[in-house]
């Protein structure tokens, strides 16, 4: 398995949860597990979808050094593919407590483009 070389990692606050963004030579990548679990979705189900559609979402892995100085592997997609993944989540299939949140995220992401997200992540 190939891993992506990371130049820098930034934690950003998004809707009350901390997301990890990694800058690489190929662009910005977003760690998926915090997004998935933060939306109240099961990681295993979304991981299967990401792996099955790896070409569509450009799902990949990178290794980071966590706060405890241990290396951790994380599954990531390019920032430019985040909208595509979000739109693949059907709010009707999410538990009722998270349905409004998923719909709000989908609506908000329709208004955001990659350059503005890039600025949020690396120019803050």
PDB file of N, CA and C in Angstrom:
ATOM      1  N   UNK A   1       0.846  -1.175   0.000  1.00  0.00           N
ATOM      2  CA  UNK A   1       0.000   0.000   0.000  1.00  0.00           C
ATOM      3  C   UNK A   1       0.891   1.238   0.000  1.00  0.00           C
ATOM      4  N   UNK A   2       0.594   2.182  -0.871  1.00  0.00           N
ATOM      5  CA  UNK A   2       1.337   3.437  -0.927  1.00  0.00           C
ATOM      6  C   UNK A   2       0.756   4.428   0.074  1.00  0.00           C
ATOM      7  N   UNK A   3       1.631   5.196   0.670  1.00  0.00           N
ATOM      8  CA  UNK A   3       1.200   6.235   1.583  1.00  0.00           C
ATOM      9  C   UNK A   3       1.580   7.586   1.011  1.00  0.00           C
ATOM     10  N   UNK A   4       0.794   8.587   1.344  1.00  0.00           N
ATOM     11  CA  UNK A   4       1.019   9.947   0.869  1.00  0.00           C
ATOM     12  C   UNK A   4       1.950  10.654   1.832  1.00  0.00           C
ATOM     13  N   UNK A   5       2.954  11.358   1.306  1.00  0.00           N
ATOM     14  CA  UNK A   5       3.862  12.129   2.153  1.00  0.00           C
ATOM     15  C   UNK A   5       3.179  13.429   2.575  1.00  0.00           C
ATOM     16  N   UNK A   6       3.171  13.675   3.878  1.00  0.00           N
ATOM     17  CA  UNK A   6       2.496  14.838   4.452  1.00  0.00           C
ATOM     18  C   UNK A   6       3.511  15.923   4.769  1.00  0.00           C
ATOM     19  N   UNK A   7       3.198  17.168   4.348  1.00  0.00           N
ATOM     20  CA  UNK A   7       4.071  18.310   4.658  1.00  0.00           C
ATOM     21  C   UNK A   7       3.641  19.017   5.937  1.00  0.00           C
ATOM     22  N   UNK A   8       2.343  19.128   6.148  1.00  0.00           N
ATOM     23  CA  UNK A   8       1.856  19.755   7.383  1.00  0.00           C
ATOM     24  C   UNK A   8       0.434  19.292   7.652  1.00  0.00           C
ATOM     25  N   UNK A   9       0.058  19.322   8.921  1.00  0.00           N
ATOM     26  CA  UNK A   9      -1.292  18.934   9.332  1.00  0.00           C
ATOM     27  C   UNK A   9      -1.883  20.072  10.142  1.00  0.00           C
ATOM     28  N   UNK A  10      -3.147  20.349   9.867  1.00  0.00           N
ATOM     29  CA  UNK A  10      -3.852  21.401  10.575  1.00  0.00           C
ATOM     30  C   UNK A  10      -5.165  20.825  11.090  1.00  0.00           C
ATOM     31  N   UNK A  11      -5.496  21.123  12.336  1.00  0.00           N
ATOM     32  CA  UNK A  11      -6.808  20.761  12.886  1.00  0.00           C
ATOM     33  C   UNK A  11      -7.705  21.977  12.744  1.00  0.00           C
ATOM     34  N   UNK A  12      -8.896  21.766  12.190  1.00  0.00           N
ATOM     35  CA  UNK A  12      -9.836  22.873  12.036  1.00  0.00           C
ATOM     36  C   UNK A  12     -11.143  22.523  12.724  1.00  0.00           C
ATOM     37  N   UNK A  13     -11.778  23.531  13.254  1.00  0.00           N
ATOM     38  CA  UNK A  13     -13.083  23.380  13.895  1.00  0.00           C
ATOM     39  C   UNK A  13     -14.151  23.518  12.823  1.00  0.00           C
ATOM     40  N   UNK A  14     -15.035  22.535  12.733  1.00  0.00           N
ATOM     41  CA  UNK A  14     -16.101  22.568  11.739  1.00  0.00           C
ATOM     42  C   UNK A  14     -17.360  21.995  12.368  1.00  0.00           C
ATOM     43  N   UNK A  15     -18.353  22.845  12.569  1.00  0.00           N
ATOM     44  CA  UNK A  15     -19.625  22.430  13.173  1.00  0.00           C
ATOM     45  C   UNK A  15     -19.412  21.697  14.493  1.00  0.00           C
ATOM     46  N   UNK A  16     -18.549  22.236  15.340  1.00  0.00           N
ATOM     47  CA  UNK A  16     -18.354  21.674  16.662  1.00  0.00           C
ATOM     48  C   UNK A  16     -17.487  20.440  16.733  1.00  0.00           C
ATOM     49  N   UNK A  17     -16.851  20.079  15.656  1.00  0.00           N
ATOM     50  CA  UNK A  17     -15.937  18.939  15.710  1.00  0.00           C
ATOM     51  C   UNK A  17     -14.604  19.316  15.100  1.00  0.00           C
ATOM     52  N   UNK A  18     -13.578  18.598  15.516  1.00  0.00           N
ATOM     53  CA  UNK A  18     -12.235  18.877  15.027  1.00  0.00           C
ATOM     54  C   UNK A  18     -11.933  17.972  13.843  1.00  0.00           C
ATOM     55  N   UNK A  19     -11.587  18.577  12.717  1.00  0.00           N
ATOM     56  CA  UNK A  19     -11.222  17.841  11.517  1.00  0.00           C
ATOM     57  C   UNK A  19      -9.736  18.000  11.261  1.00  0.00           C
ATOM     58  N   UNK A  20      -9.142  16.995  10.668  1.00  0.00           N
ATOM     59  CA  UNK A  20      -7.728  17.051  10.328  1.00  0.00           C
ATOM     60  C   UNK A  20      -7.572  17.230   8.829  1.00  0.00           C
ATOM     61  N   UNK A  21      -6.786  18.209   8.455  1.00  0.00           N
ATOM     62  CA  UNK A  21      -6.461  18.461   7.056  1.00  0.00           C
ATOM     63  C   UNK A  21      -4.955  18.343   6.901  1.00  0.00           C
ATOM     64  N   UNK A  22      -4.533  17.672   5.857  1.00  0.00           N
ATOM     65  CA  UNK A  22      -3.105  17.467   5.614  1.00  0.00           C
ATOM     66  C   UNK A  22      -2.729  18.070   4.272  1.00  0.00           C
ATOM     67  N   UNK A  23      -1.673  18.859   4.270  1.00  0.00           N
ATOM     68  CA  UNK A  23      -1.152  19.442   3.037  1.00  0.00           C
ATOM     69  C   UNK A  23      -0.058  18.526   2.506  1.00  0.00           C
ATOM     70  N   UNK A  24      -0.174  18.182   1.224  1.00  0.00           N
ATOM     71  CA  UNK A  24       0.798  17.302   0.565  1.00  0.00           C
ATOM     72  C   UNK A  24       1.206  17.940  -0.756  1.00  0.00           C
ATOM     73  N   UNK A  25       2.121  17.304  -1.456  1.00  0.00           N
ATOM     74  CA  UNK A  25       2.518  17.816  -2.771  1.00  0.00           C
ATOM     75  C   UNK A  25       1.370  17.726  -3.768  1.00  0.00           C
ATOM     76  N   UNK A  26       0.390  16.854  -3.481  1.00  0.00           N
ATOM     77  CA  UNK A  26      -0.747  16.664  -4.380  1.00  0.00           C
ATOM     78  C   UNK A  26      -1.988  17.452  -3.962  1.00  0.00           C
ATOM     79  N   UNK A  27      -1.881  18.276  -2.940  1.00  0.00           N
ATOM     80  CA  UNK A  27      -3.026  19.074  -2.506  1.00  0.00           C
ATOM     81  C   UNK A  27      -3.394  18.819  -1.056  1.00  0.00           C
ATOM     82  N   UNK A  28      -4.610  19.209  -0.717  1.00  0.00           N
ATOM     83  CA  UNK A  28      -5.122  19.090   0.649  1.00  0.00           C
ATOM     84  C   UNK A  28      -5.950  17.815   0.756  1.00  0.00           C
ATOM     85  N   UNK A  29      -5.709  17.050   1.825  1.00  0.00           N
ATOM     86  CA  UNK A  29      -6.458  15.828   2.094  1.00  0.00           C
ATOM     87  C   UNK A  29      -7.147  15.951   3.447  1.00  0.00           C
ATOM     88  N   UNK A  30      -8.339  15.385   3.544  1.00  0.00           N
ATOM     89  CA  UNK A  30      -9.144  15.448   4.758  1.00  0.00           C
ATOM     90  C   UNK A  30      -9.274  14.049   5.350  1.00  0.00           C
ATOM     91  N   UNK A  31      -9.012  13.927   6.664  1.00  0.00           N
ATOM     92  CA  UNK A  31      -9.200  12.653   7.362  1.00  0.00           C
ATOM     93  C   UNK A  31     -10.697  12.372   7.456  1.00  0.00           C
ATOM     94  N   UNK A  32     -11.101  11.188   7.068  1.00  0.00           N
ATOM     95  CA  UNK A  32     -12.520  10.887   6.953  1.00  0.00           C
ATOM     96  C   UNK A  32     -13.178  10.379   8.235  1.00  0.00           C
ATOM     97  N   UNK A  33     -12.483   9.628   9.046  1.00  0.00           N
ATOM     98  CA  UNK A  33     -13.139   9.037  10.219  1.00  0.00           C
ATOM     99  C   UNK A  33     -13.744  10.092  11.145  1.00  0.00           C
ATOM    100  N   UNK A  34     -13.050  11.203  11.452  1.00  0.00           N
ATOM    101  CA  UNK A  34     -13.675  12.208  12.317  1.00  0.00           C
ATOM    102  C   UNK A  34     -14.948  12.812  11.712  1.00  0.00           C
ATOM    103  N   UNK A  35     -14.984  12.965  10.396  1.00  0.00           N
ATOM    104  CA  UNK A  35     -16.177  13.504   9.742  1.00  0.00           C
ATOM    105  C   UNK A  35     -17.317  12.502   9.846  1.00  0.00           C
ATOM    106  N   UNK A  36     -17.021  11.259   9.519  1.00  0.00           N
ATOM    107  CA  UNK A  36     -18.049  10.207   9.523  1.00  0.00           C
ATOM    108  C   UNK A  36     -18.657  10.040  10.912  1.00  0.00           C
ATOM    109  N   UNK A  37     -17.809   9.860  11.903  1.00  0.00           N
ATOM    110  CA  UNK A  37     -18.331   9.634  13.255  1.00  0.00           C
ATOM    111  C   UNK A  37     -18.986  10.890  13.813  1.00  0.00           C
ATOM    112  N   UNK A  38     -18.476  12.058  13.438  1.00  0.00           N
ATOM    113  CA  UNK A  38     -19.074  13.318  13.881  1.00  0.00           C
ATOM    114  C   UNK A  38     -20.471  13.539  13.322  1.00  0.00           C
ATOM    115  N   UNK A  39     -20.768  12.899  12.199  1.00  0.00           N
ATOM    116  CA  UNK A  39     -22.097  13.000  11.600  1.00  0.00           C
ATOM    117  C   UNK A  39     -23.037  11.928  12.130  1.00  0.00           C
ATOM    118  N   UNK A  40     -22.531  11.077  13.029  1.00  0.00           N
ATOM    119  CA  UNK A  40     -23.365  10.031  13.584  1.00  0.00           C
ATOM    120  C   UNK A  40     -23.490   8.817  12.683  1.00  0.00           C
ATOM    121  N   UNK A  41     -22.600   8.703  11.700  1.00  0.00           N
ATOM    122  CA  UNK A  41     -22.607   7.560  10.797  1.00  0.00           C
ATOM    123  C   UNK A  41     -21.662   6.494  11.325  1.00  0.00           C
ATOM    124  N   UNK A  42     -21.861   5.270  10.884  1.00  0.00           N
ATOM    125  CA  UNK A  42     -20.939   4.206  11.293  1.00  0.00           C
ATOM    126  C   UNK A  42     -19.715   4.248  10.400  1.00  0.00           C
ATOM    127  N   UNK A  43     -18.554   4.198  11.015  1.00  0.00           N
ATOM    128  CA  UNK A  43     -17.305   4.252  10.274  1.00  0.00           C
ATOM    129  C   UNK A  43     -17.183   3.048   9.346  1.00  0.00           C
ATOM    130  N   UNK A  44     -17.537   1.857   9.842  1.00  0.00           N
ATOM    131  CA  UNK A  44     -17.355   0.652   9.028  1.00  0.00           C
ATOM    132  C   UNK A  44     -18.142   0.737   7.718  1.00  0.00           C
ATOM    133  N   UNK A  45     -19.379   1.198   7.779  1.00  0.00           N
ATOM    134  CA  UNK A  45     -20.186   1.312   6.567  1.00  0.00           C
ATOM    135  C   UNK A  45     -19.614   2.303   5.571  1.00  0.00           C
ATOM    136  N   UNK A  46     -19.178   3.458   6.074  1.00  0.00           N
ATOM    137  CA  UNK A  46     -18.607   4.466   5.180  1.00  0.00           C
ATOM    138  C   UNK A  46     -17.225   4.048   4.671  1.00  0.00           C
ATOM    139  N   UNK A  47     -16.470   3.340   5.501  1.00  0.00           N
ATOM    140  CA  UNK A  47     -15.163   2.848   5.058  1.00  0.00           C
ATOM    141  C   UNK A  47     -15.340   1.884   3.888  1.00  0.00           C
ATOM    142  N   UNK A  48     -16.333   1.004   3.989  1.00  0.00           N
ATOM    143  CA  UNK A  48     -16.607   0.081   2.886  1.00  0.00           C
ATOM    144  C   UNK A  48     -16.962   0.854   1.615  1.00  0.00           C
ATOM    145  N   UNK A  49     -17.805   1.899   1.760  1.00  0.00           N
ATOM    146  CA  UNK A  49     -18.185   2.703   0.601  1.00  0.00           C
ATOM    147  C   UNK A  49     -16.969   3.411   0.011  1.00  0.00           C
ATOM    148  N   UNK A  50     -16.104   3.966   0.860  1.00  0.00           N
ATOM    149  CA  UNK A  50     -14.906   4.661   0.379  1.00  0.00           C
ATOM    150  C   UNK A  50     -13.970   3.697  -0.355  1.00  0.00           C
ATOM    151  N   UNK A  51     -13.794   2.506   0.200  1.00  0.00           N
ATOM    152  CA  UNK A  51     -12.917   1.524  -0.444  1.00  0.00           C
ATOM    153  C   UNK A  51     -13.512   1.031  -1.757  1.00  0.00           C
ATOM    154  N   UNK A  52     -14.811   0.760  -1.752  1.00  0.00           N
ATOM    155  CA  UNK A  52     -15.479   0.272  -2.958  1.00  0.00           C
ATOM    156  C   UNK A  52     -15.423   1.305  -4.079  1.00  0.00           C
ATOM    157  N   UNK A  53     -15.489   2.576  -3.705  1.00  0.00           N
ATOM    158  CA  UNK A  53     -15.470   3.686  -4.666  1.00  0.00           C
ATOM    159  C   UNK A  53     -14.178   4.475  -4.572  1.00  0.00           C
ATOM    160  N   UNK A  54     -13.069   3.784  -4.339  1.00  0.00           N
ATOM    161  CA  UNK A  54     -11.783   4.453  -4.133  1.00  0.00           C
ATOM    162  C   UNK A  54     -11.406   5.352  -5.304  1.00  0.00           C
ATOM    163  N   UNK A  55     -11.719   4.928  -6.527  1.00  0.00           N
ATOM    164  CA  UNK A  55     -11.403   5.762  -7.695  1.00  0.00           C
ATOM    165  C   UNK A  55     -12.263   7.021  -7.736  1.00  0.00           C
ATOM    166  N   UNK A  56     -13.521   6.899  -7.369  1.00  0.00           N
ATOM    167  CA  UNK A  56     -14.440   8.045  -7.369  1.00  0.00           C
ATOM    168  C   UNK A  56     -14.041   9.093  -6.332  1.00  0.00           C
ATOM    169  N   UNK A  57     -13.718   8.623  -5.122  1.00  0.00           N
ATOM    170  CA  UNK A  57     -13.402   9.542  -4.024  1.00  0.00           C
ATOM    171  C   UNK A  57     -11.899   9.737  -3.826  1.00  0.00           C
ATOM    172  N   UNK A  58     -11.079   9.019  -4.573  1.00  0.00           N
ATOM    173  CA  UNK A  58      -9.623   9.052  -4.402  1.00  0.00           C
ATOM    174  C   UNK A  58      -9.220   8.730  -2.963  1.00  0.00           C
ATOM    175  N   UNK A  59      -9.873   7.729  -2.391  1.00  0.00           N
ATOM    176  CA  UNK A  59      -9.588   7.319  -1.016  1.00  0.00           C
ATOM    177  C   UNK A  59      -8.174   6.770  -0.940  1.00  0.00           C
ATOM    178  N   UNK A  60      -7.436   7.206   0.082  1.00  0.00           N
ATOM    179  CA  UNK A  60      -6.045   6.826   0.240  1.00  0.00           C
ATOM    180  C   UNK A  60      -5.700   6.798   1.715  1.00  0.00           C
ATOM    181  N   UNK A  61      -4.452   6.511   2.027  1.00  0.00           N
ATOM    182  CA  UNK A  61      -3.975   6.469   3.415  1.00  0.00           C
ATOM    183  C   UNK A  61      -2.753   7.351   3.583  1.00  0.00           C
ATOM    184  N   UNK A  62      -2.612   7.888   4.774  1.00  0.00           N
ATOM    185  CA  UNK A  62      -1.386   8.583   5.134  1.00  0.00           C
ATOM    186  C   UNK A  62      -1.083   8.290   6.593  1.00  0.00           C
ATOM    187  N   UNK A  63       0.170   8.436   6.940  1.00  0.00           N
ATOM    188  CA  UNK A  63       0.613   8.215   8.310  1.00  0.00           C
ATOM    189  C   UNK A  63       0.949   9.564   8.911  1.00  0.00           C
ATOM    190  N   UNK A  64       0.409   9.796  10.110  1.00  0.00           N
ATOM    191  CA  UNK A  64       0.711  11.041  10.828  1.00  0.00           C
ATOM    192  C   UNK A  64       1.307  10.678  12.189  1.00  0.00           C
ATOM    193  N   UNK A  65       1.949  11.652  12.797  1.00  0.00           N
ATOM    194  CA  UNK A  65       2.421  11.494  14.164  1.00  0.00           C
ATOM    195  C   UNK A  65       1.410  12.201  15.051  1.00  0.00           C
ATOM    196  N   UNK A  66       0.752  11.431  15.912  1.00  0.00           N
ATOM    197  CA  UNK A  66      -0.302  11.959  16.777  1.00  0.00           C
ATOM    198  C   UNK A  66       0.289  12.723  17.956  1.00  0.00           C
ATOM    199  N   UNK A  67      -0.590  13.330  18.751  1.00  0.00           N
ATOM    200  CA  UNK A  67      -0.155  14.106  19.922  1.00  0.00           C
ATOM    201  C   UNK A  67       0.645  13.269  20.909  1.00  0.00           C
ATOM    202  N   UNK A  68       0.413  11.956  20.934  1.00  0.00           N
ATOM    203  CA  UNK A  68       1.147  11.087  21.853  1.00  0.00           C
ATOM    204  C   UNK A  68       2.468  10.597  21.248  1.00  0.00           C
ATOM    205  N   UNK A  69       2.886  11.196  20.122  1.00  0.00           N
ATOM    206  CA  UNK A  69       4.137  10.886  19.413  1.00  0.00           C
ATOM    207  C   UNK A  69       4.141   9.521  18.743  1.00  0.00           C
ATOM    208  N   UNK A  70       2.991   8.867  18.661  1.00  0.00           N
ATOM    209  CA  UNK A  70       2.898   7.585  17.967  1.00  0.00           C
ATOM    210  C   UNK A  70       2.386   7.810  16.555  1.00  0.00           C
ATOM    211  N   UNK A  71       2.854   6.960  15.648  1.00  0.00           N
ATOM    212  CA  UNK A  71       2.389   7.057  14.269  1.00  0.00           C
ATOM    213  C   UNK A  71       1.010   6.432  14.151  1.00  0.00           C
ATOM    214  N   UNK A  72       0.148   7.106  13.419  1.00  0.00           N
ATOM    215  CA  UNK A  72      -1.203   6.630  13.180  1.00  0.00           C
ATOM    216  C   UNK A  72      -1.499   6.688  11.684  1.00  0.00           C
ATOM    217  N   UNK A  73      -2.157   5.663  11.196  1.00  0.00           N
ATOM    218  CA  UNK A  73      -2.595   5.652   9.813  1.00  0.00           C
ATOM    219  C   UNK A  73      -4.008   6.224   9.760  1.00  0.00           C
ATOM    220  N   UNK A  74      -4.268   7.070   8.758  1.00  0.00           N
ATOM    221  CA  UNK A  74      -5.626   7.586   8.611  1.00  0.00           C
ATOM    222  C   UNK A  74      -6.040   7.541   7.154  1.00  0.00           C
ATOM    223  N   UNK A  75      -7.320   7.246   6.965  1.00  0.00           N
ATOM    224  CA  UNK A  75      -7.900   7.233   5.632  1.00  0.00           C
ATOM    225  C   UNK A  75      -8.304   8.651   5.254  1.00  0.00           C
ATOM    226  N   UNK A  76      -7.967   9.045   4.045  1.00  0.00           N
ATOM    227  CA  UNK A  76      -8.191  10.428   3.621  1.00  0.00           C
ATOM    228  C   UNK A  76      -8.763  10.469   2.198  1.00  0.00           C
ATOM    229  N   UNK A  77      -9.403  11.598   1.903  1.00  0.00           N
ATOM    230  CA  UNK A  77      -9.782  11.908   0.530  1.00  0.00           C
ATOM    231  C   UNK A  77      -9.325  13.334   0.251  1.00  0.00           C
ATOM    232  N   UNK A  78      -9.119  13.665  -1.012  1.00  0.00           N
ATOM    233  CA  UNK A  78      -8.744  15.042  -1.344  1.00  0.00           C
ATOM    234  C   UNK A  78      -9.881  15.998  -0.973  1.00  0.00           C
ATOM    235  N   UNK A  79      -9.523  17.177  -0.543  1.00  0.00           N
ATOM    236  CA  UNK A  79     -10.508  18.196  -0.196  1.00  0.00           C
ATOM    237  C   UNK A  79     -11.497  18.419  -1.335  1.00  0.00           C
ATOM    238  N   UNK A  80     -11.020  18.392  -2.561  1.00  0.00           N
ATOM    239  CA  UNK A  80     -11.895  18.636  -3.713  1.00  0.00           C
ATOM    240  C   UNK A  80     -12.951  17.547  -3.880  1.00  0.00           C
ATOM    241  N   UNK A  81     -12.792  16.397  -3.221  1.00  0.00           N
ATOM    242  CA  UNK A  81     -13.765  15.298  -3.304  1.00  0.00           C
ATOM    243  C   UNK A  81     -14.716  15.251  -2.109  1.00  0.00           C
ATOM    244  N   UNK A  82     -14.512  16.124  -1.139  1.00  0.00           N
ATOM    245  CA  UNK A  82     -15.347  16.100   0.067  1.00  0.00           C
ATOM    246  C   UNK A  82     -16.823  16.330  -0.265  1.00  0.00           C
ATOM    247  N   UNK A  83     -17.105  17.293  -1.138  1.00  0.00           N
ATOM    248  CA  UNK A  83     -18.498  17.530  -1.532  1.00  0.00           C
ATOM    249  C   UNK A  83     -19.125  16.276  -2.121  1.00  0.00           C
ATOM    250  N   UNK A  84     -18.404  15.597  -3.004  1.00  0.00           N
ATOM    251  CA  UNK A  84     -18.934  14.382  -3.633  1.00  0.00           C
ATOM    252  C   UNK A  84     -19.299  13.346  -2.586  1.00  0.00           C
ATOM    253  N   UNK A  85     -18.418  13.149  -1.619  1.00  0.00           N
ATOM    254  CA  UNK A  85     -18.719  12.168  -0.578  1.00  0.00           C
ATOM    255  C   UNK A  85     -19.923  12.617   0.237  1.00  0.00           C
ATOM    256  N   UNK A  86     -19.955  13.888   0.645  1.00  0.00           N
ATOM    257  CA  UNK A  86     -21.088  14.375   1.441  1.00  0.00           C
ATOM    258  C   UNK A  86     -22.408  14.178   0.712  1.00  0.00           C
ATOM    259  N   UNK A  87     -22.410  14.442  -0.585  1.00  0.00           N
ATOM    260  CA  UNK A  87     -23.640  14.280  -1.350  1.00  0.00           C
ATOM    261  C   UNK A  87     -24.020  12.813  -1.510  1.00  0.00           C
ATOM    262  N   UNK A  88     -23.079  11.908  -1.280  1.00  0.00           N
ATOM    263  CA  UNK A  88     -23.389  10.483  -1.365  1.00  0.00           C
ATOM    264  C   UNK A  88     -24.073   9.978  -0.097  1.00  0.00           C
ATOM    265  N   UNK A  89     -24.085  10.791   0.959  1.00  0.00           N
ATOM    266  CA  UNK A  89     -24.736  10.413   2.215  1.00  0.00           C
ATOM    267  C   UNK A  89     -26.194  10.842   2.123  1.00  0.00           C
ATOM    268  N   UNK A  90     -27.083   9.883   2.181  1.00  0.00           N
ATOM    269  CA  UNK A  90     -28.512  10.156   2.095  1.00  0.00           C
ATOM    270  C   UNK A  90     -29.048  10.489   3.488  1.00  0.00           C
ATOM    271  N   UNK A  91     -29.498  11.733   3.712  1.00  0.00           N
ATOM    272  CA  UNK A  91     -30.017  12.105   5.035  1.00  0.00           C
ATOM    273  C   UNK A  91     -31.175  11.209   5.496  1.00  0.00           C
ATOM    274  N   UNK A  92     -31.894  10.621   4.558  1.00  0.00           N
ATOM    275  CA  UNK A  92     -33.018   9.749   4.916  1.00  0.00           C
ATOM    276  C   UNK A  92     -32.554   8.421   5.511  1.00  0.00           C
ATOM    277  N   UNK A  93     -31.281   8.074   5.324  1.00  0.00           N
ATOM    278  CA  UNK A  93     -30.756   6.822   5.857  1.00  0.00           C
ATOM    279  C   UNK A  93     -29.953   7.027   7.144  1.00  0.00           C
ATOM    280  N   UNK A  94     -29.949   8.245   7.640  1.00  0.00           N
ATOM    281  CA  UNK A  94     -29.219   8.583   8.867  1.00  0.00           C
ATOM    282  C   UNK A  94     -30.210   8.552  10.016  1.00  0.00           C
ATOM    283  N   UNK A  95     -29.728   8.231  11.224  1.00  0.00           N
ATOM    284  CA  UNK A  95     -30.661   8.205  12.353  1.00  0.00           C
ATOM    285  C   UNK A  95     -31.305   9.582  12.528  1.00  0.00           C
ATOM    286  N   UNK A  96     -32.484   9.586  13.073  1.00  0.00           N
ATOM    287  CA  UNK A  96     -33.291  10.817  13.124  1.00  0.00           C
ATOM    288  C   UNK A  96     -32.596  11.955  13.867  1.00  0.00           C
ATOM    289  N   UNK A  97     -31.780  11.635  14.856  1.00  0.00           N
ATOM    290  CA  UNK A  97     -31.081  12.681  15.614  1.00  0.00           C
ATOM    291  C   UNK A  97     -30.061  13.415  14.760  1.00  0.00           C
ATOM    292  N   UNK A  98     -29.515  12.755  13.737  1.00  0.00           N
ATOM    293  CA  UNK A  98     -28.467  13.352  12.902  1.00  0.00           C
ATOM    294  C   UNK A  98     -28.974  13.833  11.543  1.00  0.00           C
ATOM    295  N   UNK A  99     -30.222  13.541  11.217  1.00  0.00           N
ATOM    296  CA  UNK A  99     -30.763  13.855   9.891  1.00  0.00           C
ATOM    297  C   UNK A  99     -30.651  15.350   9.570  1.00  0.00           C
ATOM    298  N   UNK A 100     -31.025  16.204  10.507  1.00  0.00           N
ATOM    299  CA  UNK A 100     -30.970  17.654  10.275  1.00  0.00           C
ATOM    300  C   UNK A 100     -29.523  18.110  10.084  1.00  0.00           C
ATOM    301  N   UNK A 101     -28.607  17.538  10.835  1.00  0.00           N
ATOM    302  CA  UNK A 101     -27.189  17.922  10.729  1.00  0.00           C
ATOM    303  C   UNK A 101     -26.628  17.543   9.356  1.00  0.00           C
ATOM    304  N   UNK A 102     -26.944  16.342   8.891  1.00  0.00           N
ATOM    305  CA  UNK A 102     -26.450  15.898   7.591  1.00  0.00           C
ATOM    306  C   UNK A 102     -27.030  16.781   6.487  1.00  0.00           C
ATOM    307  N   UNK A 103     -28.305  17.086   6.572  1.00  0.00           N
ATOM    308  CA  UNK A 103     -28.928  17.967   5.574  1.00  0.00           C
ATOM    309  C   UNK A 103     -28.288  19.349   5.590  1.00  0.00           C
ATOM    310  N   UNK A 104     -28.036  19.887   6.793  1.00  0.00           N
ATOM    311  CA  UNK A 104     -27.411  21.205   6.906  1.00  0.00           C
ATOM    312  C   UNK A 104     -26.005  21.195   6.318  1.00  0.00           C
ATOM    313  N   UNK A 105     -25.227  20.145   6.588  1.00  0.00           N
ATOM    314  CA  UNK A 105     -23.876  20.048   6.032  1.00  0.00           C
ATOM    315  C   UNK A 105     -23.930  19.974   4.510  1.00  0.00           C
ATOM    316  N   UNK A 106     -24.837  19.175   3.976  1.00  0.00           N
ATOM    317  CA  UNK A 106     -24.975  19.081   2.523  1.00  0.00           C
ATOM    318  C   UNK A 106     -25.309  20.447   1.928  1.00  0.00           C
ATOM    319  N   UNK A 107     -26.258  21.144   2.537  1.00  0.00           N
ATOM    320  CA  UNK A 107     -26.643  22.466   2.031  1.00  0.00           C
ATOM    321  C   UNK A 107     -25.496  23.457   2.125  1.00  0.00           C
ATOM    322  N   UNK A 108     -24.768  23.439   3.234  1.00  0.00           N
ATOM    323  CA  UNK A 108     -23.652  24.362   3.400  1.00  0.00           C
ATOM    324  C   UNK A 108     -22.538  24.081   2.402  1.00  0.00           C
ATOM    325  N   UNK A 109     -22.259  22.792   2.176  1.00  0.00           N
ATOM    326  CA  UNK A 109     -21.177  22.443   1.264  1.00  0.00           C
ATOM    327  C   UNK A 109     -21.503  22.826  -0.177  1.00  0.00           C
ATOM    328  N   UNK A 110     -22.788  22.962  -0.522  1.00  0.00           N
ATOM    329  CA  UNK A 110     -23.153  23.431  -1.861  1.00  0.00           C
ATOM    330  C   UNK A 110     -22.677  24.856  -2.092  1.00  0.00           C
ATOM    331  N   UNK A 111     -22.527  25.614  -1.008  1.00  0.00           N
ATOM    332  CA  UNK A 111     -22.155  27.019  -1.105  1.00  0.00           C
ATOM    333  C   UNK A 111     -20.651  27.251  -0.992  1.00  0.00           C
ATOM    334  N   UNK A 112     -19.920  26.212  -0.625  1.00  0.00           N
ATOM    335  CA  UNK A 112     -18.485  26.347  -0.378  1.00  0.00           C
ATOM    336  C   UNK A 112     -17.733  25.748  -1.555  1.00  0.00           C
ATOM    337  N   UNK A 113     -16.677  26.429  -1.960  1.00  0.00           N
ATOM    338  CA  UNK A 113     -15.840  25.862  -3.010  1.00  0.00           C
ATOM    339  C   UNK A 113     -14.454  25.561  -2.455  1.00  0.00           C
ATOM    340  N   UNK A 114     -13.667  24.831  -3.186  1.00  0.00           N
ATOM    341  CA  UNK A 114     -12.359  24.402  -2.687  1.00  0.00           C
ATOM    342  C   UNK A 114     -11.451  25.574  -2.301  1.00  0.00           C
ATOM    343  N   UNK A 115     -11.333  26.639  -3.115  1.00  0.00           N
ATOM    344  CA  UNK A 115     -10.445  27.728  -2.695  1.00  0.00           C
ATOM    345  C   UNK A 115     -10.835  28.346  -1.355  1.00  0.00           C
ATOM    346  N   UNK A 116     -12.132  28.472  -1.077  1.00  0.00           N
ATOM    347  CA  UNK A 116     -12.511  29.057   0.208  1.00  0.00           C
ATOM    348  C   UNK A 116     -12.217  28.095   1.346  1.00  0.00           C
ATOM    349  N   UNK A 117     -12.391  26.785   1.141  1.00  0.00           N
ATOM    350  CA  UNK A 117     -12.033  25.815   2.166  1.00  0.00           C
ATOM    351  C   UNK A 117     -10.526  25.790   2.375  1.00  0.00           C
ATOM    352  N   UNK A 118      -9.765  25.889   1.297  1.00  0.00           N
ATOM    353  CA  UNK A 118      -8.309  25.925   1.412  1.00  0.00           C
ATOM    354  C   UNK A 118      -7.890  27.102   2.289  1.00  0.00           C
ATOM    355  N   UNK A 119      -8.521  28.251   2.078  1.00  0.00           N
ATOM    356  CA  UNK A 119      -8.219  29.425   2.894  1.00  0.00           C
ATOM    357  C   UNK A 119      -8.572  29.206   4.353  1.00  0.00           C
ATOM    358  N   UNK A 120      -9.698  28.551   4.599  1.00  0.00           N
ATOM    359  CA  UNK A 120     -10.112  28.251   5.971  1.00  0.00           C
ATOM    360  C   UNK A 120      -9.100  27.366   6.652  1.00  0.00           C
ATOM    361  N   UNK A 121      -8.585  26.396   5.918  1.00  0.00           N
ATOM    362  CA  UNK A 121      -7.677  25.417   6.510  1.00  0.00           C
ATOM    363  C   UNK A 121      -6.280  25.967   6.706  1.00  0.00           C
ATOM    364  N   UNK A 122      -5.703  26.604   5.677  1.00  0.00           N
ATOM    365  CA  UNK A 122      -4.283  26.933   5.752  1.00  0.00           C
ATOM    366  C   UNK A 122      -3.960  28.411   5.824  1.00  0.00           C
ATOM    367  N   UNK A 123      -4.955  29.268   5.873  1.00  0.00           N
ATOM    368  CA  UNK A 123      -4.672  30.699   6.013  1.00  0.00           C
ATOM    369  C   UNK A 123      -5.276  31.277   7.287  1.00  0.00           C
ATOM    370  N   UNK A 124      -5.778  30.403   8.148  1.00  0.00           N
ATOM    371  CA  UNK A 124      -6.419  30.862   9.390  1.00  0.00           C
ATOM    372  C   UNK A 124      -5.384  31.341  10.384  1.00  0.00           C
TER     373      UNK A 124
END
